[in-house]
PDB file of all heavy atoms in Angstrom:
ATOM      1  N   ALA A   1       1.478 -22.101 -18.942  1.00  0.00           N
ATOM      2  CA  ALA A   1       1.933 -20.777 -19.530  1.00  0.00           C
ATOM      3  C   ALA A   1       3.325 -20.530 -19.095  1.00  0.00           C
ATOM      4  O   ALA A   1       3.837 -21.007 -18.041  1.00  0.00           O
ATOM      5  CB  ALA A   1       0.975 -19.665 -19.160  1.00  0.00           C
ATOM      6  N   PHE A   2       4.114 -19.793 -19.851  1.00  0.00           N
ATOM      7  CA  PHE A   2       5.426 -19.256 -19.451  1.00  0.00           C
ATOM      8  C   PHE A   2       5.331 -17.750 -19.511  1.00  0.00           C
ATOM      9  O   PHE A   2       5.327 -17.133 -20.536  1.00  0.00           O
ATOM     10  CB  PHE A   2       6.465 -19.859 -20.476  1.00  0.00           C
ATOM     11  CG  PHE A   2       7.889 -19.588 -20.034  1.00  0.00           C
ATOM     12  CD1 PHE A   2       8.775 -20.733 -19.966  1.00  0.00           C
ATOM     13  CD2 PHE A   2       8.390 -18.439 -19.592  1.00  0.00           C
ATOM     14  CE1 PHE A   2      10.093 -20.587 -19.578  1.00  0.00           C
ATOM     15  CE2 PHE A   2       9.678 -18.269 -19.155  1.00  0.00           C
ATOM     16  CZ  PHE A   2      10.533 -19.377 -19.088  1.00  0.00           C
ATOM     17  N   CYS A   3       5.223 -17.119 -18.251  1.00  0.00           N
ATOM     18  CA  CYS A   3       5.027 -15.705 -18.171  1.00  0.00           C
ATOM     19  C   CYS A   3       6.375 -15.084 -17.881  1.00  0.00           C
ATOM     20  O   CYS A   3       6.918 -15.291 -16.872  1.00  0.00           O
ATOM     21  CB  CYS A   3       4.035 -15.396 -17.033  1.00  0.00           C
ATOM     22  SG  CYS A   3       2.416 -16.084 -17.382  1.00  0.00           S
ATOM     23  N   ALA A   4       6.760 -14.252 -18.854  1.00  0.00           N
ATOM     24  CA  ALA A   4       7.945 -13.364 -18.569  1.00  0.00           C
ATOM     25  C   ALA A   4       7.586 -12.061 -18.091  1.00  0.00           C
ATOM     26  O   ALA A   4       6.563 -11.388 -18.596  1.00  0.00           O
ATOM     27  CB  ALA A   4       8.788 -13.232 -19.884  1.00  0.00           C
ATOM     28  N   ILE A   5       8.174 -11.618 -16.987  1.00  0.00           N
ATOM     29  CA  ILE A   5       7.826 -10.371 -16.228  1.00  0.00           C
ATOM     30  C   ILE A   5       8.941  -9.406 -16.394  1.00  0.00           C
ATOM     31  O   ILE A   5      10.057  -9.666 -15.997  1.00  0.00           O
ATOM     32  CB  ILE A   5       7.506 -10.726 -14.765  1.00  0.00           C
ATOM     33  CG1 ILE A   5       6.399 -11.725 -14.653  1.00  0.00           C
ATOM     34  CG2 ILE A   5       7.117  -9.386 -14.006  1.00  0.00           C
ATOM     35  CD1 ILE A   5       6.165 -12.199 -13.256  1.00  0.00           C
ATOM     36  N   VAL A   6       8.612  -8.249 -16.983  1.00  0.00           N
ATOM     37  CA  VAL A   6       9.661  -7.228 -17.287  1.00  0.00           C
ATOM     38  C   VAL A   6       9.098  -5.871 -16.594  1.00  0.00           C
ATOM     39  O   VAL A   6       7.878  -5.747 -16.369  1.00  0.00           O
ATOM     40  CB  VAL A   6      10.022  -6.963 -18.696  1.00  0.00           C
ATOM     41  CG1 VAL A   6      10.556  -8.263 -19.278  1.00  0.00           C
ATOM     42  CG2 VAL A   6       8.819  -6.429 -19.487  1.00  0.00           C
ATOM     43  N   GLY A   7       9.991  -4.939 -16.379  1.00  0.00           N
ATOM     44  CA  GLY A   7       9.648  -3.648 -15.862  1.00  0.00           C
ATOM     45  C   GLY A   7      10.904  -2.956 -15.191  1.00  0.00           C
ATOM     46  O   GLY A   7      11.911  -3.529 -15.091  1.00  0.00           O
ATOM     47  N   ALA A   8      10.711  -1.694 -14.866  1.00  0.00           N
ATOM     48  CA  ALA A   8      11.724  -0.967 -14.321  1.00  0.00           C
ATOM     49  C   ALA A   8      12.163  -1.440 -12.972  1.00  0.00           C
ATOM     50  O   ALA A   8      11.456  -2.157 -12.298  1.00  0.00           O
ATOM     51  CB  ALA A   8      11.247   0.573 -14.135  1.00  0.00           C
ATOM     52  N   SER A   9      13.507  -1.208 -12.659  1.00  0.00           N
ATOM     53  CA  SER A   9      14.019  -1.721 -11.378  1.00  0.00           C
ATOM     54  C   SER A   9      13.180  -1.007 -10.197  1.00  0.00           C
ATOM     55  O   SER A   9      12.833   0.176 -10.285  1.00  0.00           O
ATOM     56  CB  SER A   9      15.458  -1.264 -11.195  1.00  0.00           C
ATOM     57  OG  SER A   9      16.313  -1.901 -12.164  1.00  0.00           O
ATOM     58  N   GLY A  10      12.828  -1.872  -9.255  1.00  0.00           N
ATOM     59  CA  GLY A  10      12.126  -1.338  -8.111  1.00  0.00           C
ATOM     60  C   GLY A  10      10.580  -1.255  -8.306  1.00  0.00           C
ATOM     61  O   GLY A  10       9.848  -0.711  -7.429  1.00  0.00           O
ATOM     62  N   CYS A  11      10.112  -1.782  -9.332  1.00  0.00           N
ATOM     63  CA  CYS A  11       8.662  -1.724  -9.627  1.00  0.00           C
ATOM     64  C   CYS A  11       7.808  -2.793  -9.095  1.00  0.00           C
ATOM     65  O   CYS A  11       6.648  -2.831  -9.295  1.00  0.00           O
ATOM     66  CB  CYS A  11       8.332  -1.497 -11.084  1.00  0.00           C
ATOM     67  SG  CYS A  11       8.578  -2.950 -12.136  1.00  0.00           S
ATOM     68  N   GLY A  12       8.501  -3.671  -8.346  1.00  0.00           N
ATOM     69  CA  GLY A  12       7.739  -4.749  -7.634  1.00  0.00           C
ATOM     70  C   GLY A  12       7.626  -6.095  -8.262  1.00  0.00           C
ATOM     71  O   GLY A  12       6.876  -6.931  -7.852  1.00  0.00           O
ATOM     72  N   LYS A  13       8.376  -6.332  -9.321  1.00  0.00           N
ATOM     73  CA  LYS A  13       8.404  -7.624  -9.979  1.00  0.00           C
ATOM     74  C   LYS A  13       8.706  -8.744  -9.027  1.00  0.00           C
ATOM     75  O   LYS A  13       8.094  -9.769  -8.959  1.00  0.00           O
ATOM     76  CB  LYS A  13       9.439  -7.676 -11.064  1.00  0.00           C
ATOM     77  CG  LYS A  13       9.149  -6.610 -12.141  1.00  0.00           C
ATOM     78  CD  LYS A  13      10.099  -6.685 -13.349  1.00  0.00           C
ATOM     79  CE  LYS A  13      11.536  -6.556 -12.939  1.00  0.00           C
ATOM     80  NZ  LYS A  13      11.864  -5.200 -12.437  1.00  0.00           N
ATOM     81  N   THR A  14       9.897  -8.620  -8.334  1.00  0.00           N
ATOM     82  CA  THR A  14      10.317  -9.676  -7.386  1.00  0.00           C
ATOM     83  C   THR A  14       9.343  -9.706  -6.166  1.00  0.00           C
ATOM     84  O   THR A  14       9.059 -10.862  -5.646  1.00  0.00           O
ATOM     85  CB  THR A  14      11.721  -9.366  -6.826  1.00  0.00           C
ATOM     86  OG1 THR A  14      12.645  -9.497  -7.928  1.00  0.00           O
ATOM     87  CG2 THR A  14      12.154 -10.374  -5.754  1.00  0.00           C
ATOM     88  N   THR A  15       8.758  -8.695  -5.746  1.00  0.00           N
ATOM     89  CA  THR A  15       7.670  -8.747  -4.710  1.00  0.00           C
ATOM     90  C   THR A  15       6.555  -9.586  -5.205  1.00  0.00           C
ATOM     91  O   THR A  15       5.989 -10.372  -4.404  1.00  0.00           O
ATOM     92  CB  THR A  15       7.269  -7.296  -4.321  1.00  0.00           C
ATOM     93  OG1 THR A  15       8.311  -6.571  -3.881  1.00  0.00           O
ATOM     94  CG2 THR A  15       6.110  -7.354  -3.281  1.00  0.00           C
ATOM     95  N   PHE A  16       6.045  -9.386  -6.462  1.00  0.00           N
ATOM     96  CA  PHE A  16       5.018 -10.214  -6.982  1.00  0.00           C
ATOM     97  C   PHE A  16       5.459 -11.672  -6.941  1.00  0.00           C
ATOM     98  O   PHE A  16       4.638 -12.590  -6.613  1.00  0.00           O
ATOM     99  CB  PHE A  16       4.745  -9.759  -8.394  1.00  0.00           C
ATOM    100  CG  PHE A  16       3.628 -10.601  -9.084  1.00  0.00           C
ATOM    101  CD1 PHE A  16       2.337 -10.561  -8.583  1.00  0.00           C
ATOM    102  CD2 PHE A  16       3.923 -11.404 -10.178  1.00  0.00           C
ATOM    103  CE1 PHE A  16       1.387 -11.265  -9.215  1.00  0.00           C
ATOM    104  CE2 PHE A  16       2.987 -12.040 -10.752  1.00  0.00           C
ATOM    105  CZ  PHE A  16       1.724 -12.053 -10.263  1.00  0.00           C
ATOM    106  N   LEU A  17       6.651 -12.012  -7.320  1.00  0.00           N
ATOM    107  CA  LEU A  17       7.146 -13.397  -7.292  1.00  0.00           C
ATOM    108  C   LEU A  17       7.120 -13.881  -5.903  1.00  0.00           C
ATOM    109  O   LEU A  17       6.777 -15.089  -5.686  1.00  0.00           O
ATOM    110  CB  LEU A  17       8.512 -13.422  -7.913  1.00  0.00           C
ATOM    111  CG  LEU A  17       8.857 -14.629  -8.822  1.00  0.00           C
ATOM    112  CD1 LEU A  17       7.899 -14.672 -10.054  1.00  0.00           C
ATOM    113  CD2 LEU A  17      10.303 -14.579  -9.262  1.00  0.00           C
ATOM    114  N   ARG A  18       7.515 -13.069  -4.959  1.00  0.00           N
ATOM    115  CA  ARG A  18       7.503 -13.575  -3.582  1.00  0.00           C
ATOM    116  C   ARG A  18       6.164 -13.829  -2.969  1.00  0.00           C
ATOM    117  O   ARG A  18       5.933 -14.652  -2.110  1.00  0.00           O
ATOM    118  CB  ARG A  18       8.335 -12.581  -2.723  1.00  0.00           C
ATOM    119  CG  ARG A  18       9.803 -12.568  -2.904  1.00  0.00           C
ATOM    120  CD  ARG A  18      10.473 -11.388  -2.242  1.00  0.00           C
ATOM    121  NE  ARG A  18      10.322 -11.411  -0.855  1.00  0.00           N
ATOM    122  CZ  ARG A  18      11.239 -12.077  -0.028  1.00  0.00           C
ATOM    123  NH1 ARG A  18      12.150 -12.689  -0.487  1.00  0.00           N
ATOM    124  NH2 ARG A  18      10.998 -12.065   1.242  1.00  0.00           N
ATOM    125  N   MET A  19       5.155 -13.121  -3.548  1.00  0.00           N
ATOM    126  CA  MET A  19       3.788 -13.383  -3.115  1.00  0.00           C
ATOM    127  C   MET A  19       3.340 -14.608  -3.756  1.00  0.00           C
ATOM    128  O   MET A  19       2.642 -15.500  -3.017  1.00  0.00           O
ATOM    129  CB  MET A  19       2.903 -12.198  -3.541  1.00  0.00           C
ATOM    130  CG  MET A  19       3.053 -10.971  -2.571  1.00  0.00           C
ATOM    131  SD  MET A  19       1.711  -9.763  -2.787  1.00  0.00           S
ATOM    132  CE  MET A  19       2.252  -9.016  -4.372  1.00  0.00           C
ATOM    133  N   LEU A  20       3.670 -14.971  -4.943  1.00  0.00           N
ATOM    134  CA  LEU A  20       3.330 -16.282  -5.538  1.00  0.00           C
ATOM    135  C   LEU A  20       3.946 -17.429  -4.753  1.00  0.00           C
ATOM    136  O   LEU A  20       3.542 -18.540  -4.684  1.00  0.00           O
ATOM    137  CB  LEU A  20       3.769 -16.326  -6.937  1.00  0.00           C
ATOM    138  CG  LEU A  20       2.981 -15.474  -7.959  1.00  0.00           C
ATOM    139  CD1 LEU A  20       3.677 -15.481  -9.337  1.00  0.00           C
ATOM    140  CD2 LEU A  20       1.548 -15.889  -8.084  1.00  0.00           C
ATOM    141  N   LEU A  21       5.151 -17.151  -4.145  1.00  0.00           N
ATOM    142  CA  LEU A  21       5.880 -18.152  -3.318  1.00  0.00           C
ATOM    143  C   LEU A  21       5.314 -18.229  -1.931  1.00  0.00           C
ATOM    144  O   LEU A  21       5.640 -19.212  -1.192  1.00  0.00           O
ATOM    145  CB  LEU A  21       7.357 -17.871  -3.331  1.00  0.00           C
ATOM    146  CG  LEU A  21       8.341 -18.851  -2.646  1.00  0.00           C
ATOM    147  CD1 LEU A  21       8.221 -20.187  -3.389  1.00  0.00           C
ATOM    148  CD2 LEU A  21       9.752 -18.304  -2.705  1.00  0.00           C
ATOM    149  N   SER A  22       4.487 -17.306  -1.459  1.00  0.00           N
ATOM    150  CA  SER A  22       4.039 -17.156  -0.161  1.00  0.00           C
ATOM    151  C   SER A  22       5.131 -16.709   0.853  1.00  0.00           C
ATOM    152  O   SER A  22       4.986 -16.834   2.068  1.00  0.00           O
ATOM    153  CB  SER A  22       3.341 -18.421   0.377  1.00  0.00           C
ATOM    154  OG  SER A  22       2.270 -18.718  -0.323  1.00  0.00           O
ATOM    155  N   GLU A  23       6.118 -16.045   0.398  1.00  0.00           N
ATOM    156  CA  GLU A  23       7.133 -15.374   1.228  1.00  0.00           C
ATOM    157  C   GLU A  23       6.658 -13.965   1.648  1.00  0.00           C
ATOM    158  O   GLU A  23       7.139 -13.403   2.559  1.00  0.00           O
ATOM    159  CB  GLU A  23       8.475 -15.314   0.530  1.00  0.00           C
ATOM    160  CG  GLU A  23       9.223 -16.630   0.552  1.00  0.00           C
ATOM    161  CD  GLU A  23      10.726 -16.429   0.169  1.00  0.00           C
ATOM    162  OE1 GLU A  23      11.085 -15.423  -0.487  1.00  0.00           O
ATOM    163  OE2 GLU A  23      11.497 -17.313   0.448  1.00  0.00           O
ATOM    164  N   GLU A  24       5.753 -13.430   0.791  1.00  0.00           N
ATOM    165  CA  GLU A  24       5.079 -12.097   1.090  1.00  0.00           C
ATOM    166  C   GLU A  24       3.591 -12.286   1.067  1.00  0.00           C
ATOM    167  O   GLU A  24       3.024 -13.195   0.334  1.00  0.00           O
ATOM    168  CB  GLU A  24       5.465 -11.102   0.097  1.00  0.00           C
ATOM    169  CG  GLU A  24       6.956 -10.700   0.091  1.00  0.00           C
ATOM    170  CD  GLU A  24       7.361  -9.699   1.242  1.00  0.00           C
ATOM    171  OE1 GLU A  24       6.416  -9.322   1.920  1.00  0.00           O
ATOM    172  OE2 GLU A  24       8.501  -9.362   1.309  1.00  0.00           O
ATOM    173  N   VAL A  25       2.878 -11.612   1.976  1.00  0.00           N
ATOM    174  CA  VAL A  25       1.390 -11.673   1.991  1.00  0.00           C
ATOM    175  C   VAL A  25       0.789 -10.527   1.350  1.00  0.00           C
ATOM    176  O   VAL A  25       1.197  -9.323   1.628  1.00  0.00           O
ATOM    177  CB  VAL A  25       0.949 -11.832   3.538  1.00  0.00           C
ATOM    178  CG1 VAL A  25      -0.508 -11.808   3.529  1.00  0.00           C
ATOM    179  CG2 VAL A  25       1.621 -12.995   4.168  1.00  0.00           C
ATOM    180  N   PRO A  26      -0.135 -10.678   0.415  1.00  0.00           N
ATOM    181  CA  PRO A  26      -0.803  -9.469  -0.158  1.00  0.00           C
ATOM    182  C   PRO A  26      -1.479  -8.570   1.002  1.00  0.00           C
ATOM    183  O   PRO A  26      -2.056  -9.123   1.948  1.00  0.00           O
ATOM    184  CB  PRO A  26      -1.849 -10.110  -1.030  1.00  0.00           C
ATOM    185  CG  PRO A  26      -1.427 -11.459  -1.400  1.00  0.00           C
ATOM    186  CD  PRO A  26      -0.715 -11.896  -0.117  1.00  0.00           C
ATOM    187  N   THR A  27      -1.398  -7.271   0.736  1.00  0.00           N
ATOM    188  CA  THR A  27      -2.138  -6.378   1.556  1.00  0.00           C
ATOM    189  C   THR A  27      -3.673  -6.415   1.298  1.00  0.00           C
ATOM    190  O   THR A  27      -4.486  -6.398   2.173  1.00  0.00           O
ATOM    191  CB  THR A  27      -1.690  -4.942   1.324  1.00  0.00           C
ATOM    192  OG1 THR A  27      -0.229  -4.958   1.569  1.00  0.00           O
ATOM    193  CG2 THR A  27      -2.271  -3.992   2.309  1.00  0.00           C
ATOM    194  N   ARG A  28      -3.972  -6.564   0.037  1.00  0.00           N
ATOM    195  CA  ARG A  28      -5.321  -6.777  -0.423  1.00  0.00           C
ATOM    196  C   ARG A  28      -5.380  -7.697  -1.572  1.00  0.00           C
ATOM    197  O   ARG A  28      -4.355  -7.906  -2.276  1.00  0.00           O
ATOM    198  CB  ARG A  28      -5.955  -5.425  -0.822  1.00  0.00           C
ATOM    199  CG  ARG A  28      -6.410  -4.489   0.361  1.00  0.00           C
ATOM    200  CD  ARG A  28      -6.948  -3.237  -0.204  1.00  0.00           C
ATOM    201  NE  ARG A  28      -5.867  -2.242  -0.299  1.00  0.00           N
ATOM    202  CZ  ARG A  28      -6.073  -1.027  -0.960  1.00  0.00           C
ATOM    203  NH1 ARG A  28      -7.290  -0.747  -1.466  1.00  0.00           N
ATOM    204  NH2 ARG A  28      -5.075  -0.166  -1.043  1.00  0.00           N
ATOM    205  N   GLY A  29      -6.592  -8.284  -1.890  1.00  0.00           N
ATOM    206  CA  GLY A  29      -6.704  -9.137  -3.052  1.00  0.00           C
ATOM    207  C   GLY A  29      -6.376 -10.575  -2.643  1.00  0.00           C
ATOM    208  O   GLY A  29      -6.063 -10.941  -1.509  1.00  0.00           O
ATOM    209  N   GLU A  30      -6.421 -11.381  -3.703  1.00  0.00           N
ATOM    210  CA  GLU A  30      -6.134 -12.783  -3.440  1.00  0.00           C
ATOM    211  C   GLU A  30      -5.500 -13.494  -4.705  1.00  0.00           C
ATOM    212  O   GLU A  30      -5.486 -12.986  -5.804  1.00  0.00           O
ATOM    213  CB  GLU A  30      -7.443 -13.531  -3.084  1.00  0.00           C
ATOM    214  CG  GLU A  30      -8.422 -13.611  -4.241  1.00  0.00           C
ATOM    215  CD  GLU A  30      -9.678 -14.395  -3.898  1.00  0.00           C
ATOM    216  OE1 GLU A  30      -9.707 -15.044  -2.904  1.00  0.00           O
ATOM    217  OE2 GLU A  30     -10.599 -14.391  -4.672  1.00  0.00           O
ATOM    218  N   ILE A  31      -4.840 -14.599  -4.485  1.00  0.00           N
ATOM    219  CA  ILE A  31      -4.238 -15.390  -5.422  1.00  0.00           C
ATOM    220  C   ILE A  31      -4.829 -16.743  -5.359  1.00  0.00           C
ATOM    221  O   ILE A  31      -4.883 -17.414  -4.275  1.00  0.00           O
ATOM    222  CB  ILE A  31      -2.648 -15.448  -5.292  1.00  0.00           C
ATOM    223  CG1 ILE A  31      -2.078 -14.098  -5.335  1.00  0.00           C
ATOM    224  CG2 ILE A  31      -2.087 -16.356  -6.365  1.00  0.00           C
ATOM    225  CD1 ILE A  31      -0.595 -14.130  -5.030  1.00  0.00           C
ATOM    226  N   LEU A  32      -5.342 -17.296  -6.446  1.00  0.00           N
ATOM    227  CA  LEU A  32      -5.976 -18.686  -6.504  1.00  0.00           C
ATOM    228  C   LEU A  32      -5.153 -19.581  -7.406  1.00  0.00           C
ATOM    229  O   LEU A  32      -4.735 -19.053  -8.514  1.00  0.00           O
ATOM    230  CB  LEU A  32      -7.410 -18.609  -7.088  1.00  0.00           C
ATOM    231  CG  LEU A  32      -8.456 -17.758  -6.317  1.00  0.00           C
ATOM    232  CD1 LEU A  32      -9.747 -17.755  -7.022  1.00  0.00           C
ATOM    233  CD2 LEU A  32      -8.558 -18.200  -4.826  1.00  0.00           C
ATOM    234  N   VAL A  33      -4.879 -20.798  -7.012  1.00  0.00           N
ATOM    235  CA  VAL A  33      -4.314 -21.846  -7.838  1.00  0.00           C
ATOM    236  C   VAL A  33      -5.198 -22.874  -8.038  1.00  0.00           C
ATOM    237  O   VAL A  33      -5.661 -23.569  -7.046  1.00  0.00           O
ATOM    238  CB  VAL A  33      -2.928 -22.294  -7.082  1.00  0.00           C
ATOM    239  CG1 VAL A  33      -2.339 -23.416  -7.882  1.00  0.00           C
ATOM    240  CG2 VAL A  33      -2.047 -21.140  -6.859  1.00  0.00           C
ATOM    241  N   ASP A  34      -5.498 -23.138  -9.295  1.00  0.00           N
ATOM    242  CA  ASP A  34      -6.596 -24.153  -9.697  1.00  0.00           C
ATOM    243  C   ASP A  34      -7.857 -23.857  -8.781  1.00  0.00           C
ATOM    244  O   ASP A  34      -8.566 -24.846  -8.367  1.00  0.00           O
ATOM    245  CB  ASP A  34      -6.092 -25.539  -9.401  1.00  0.00           C
ATOM    246  CG  ASP A  34      -5.067 -25.966 -10.387  1.00  0.00           C
ATOM    247  OD1 ASP A  34      -5.039 -25.381 -11.577  1.00  0.00           O
ATOM    248  OD2 ASP A  34      -4.193 -26.797 -10.152  1.00  0.00           O
TER     249      ASP A  34
END
């Protein structure tokens, strides 16, 4: 998939990307890859 992410400045878009990169750790929940 090609997921484009939009939203207001400061709404956490880059934070979400950094969690996918493992530069940030989720406070709750999980991310699964395959």
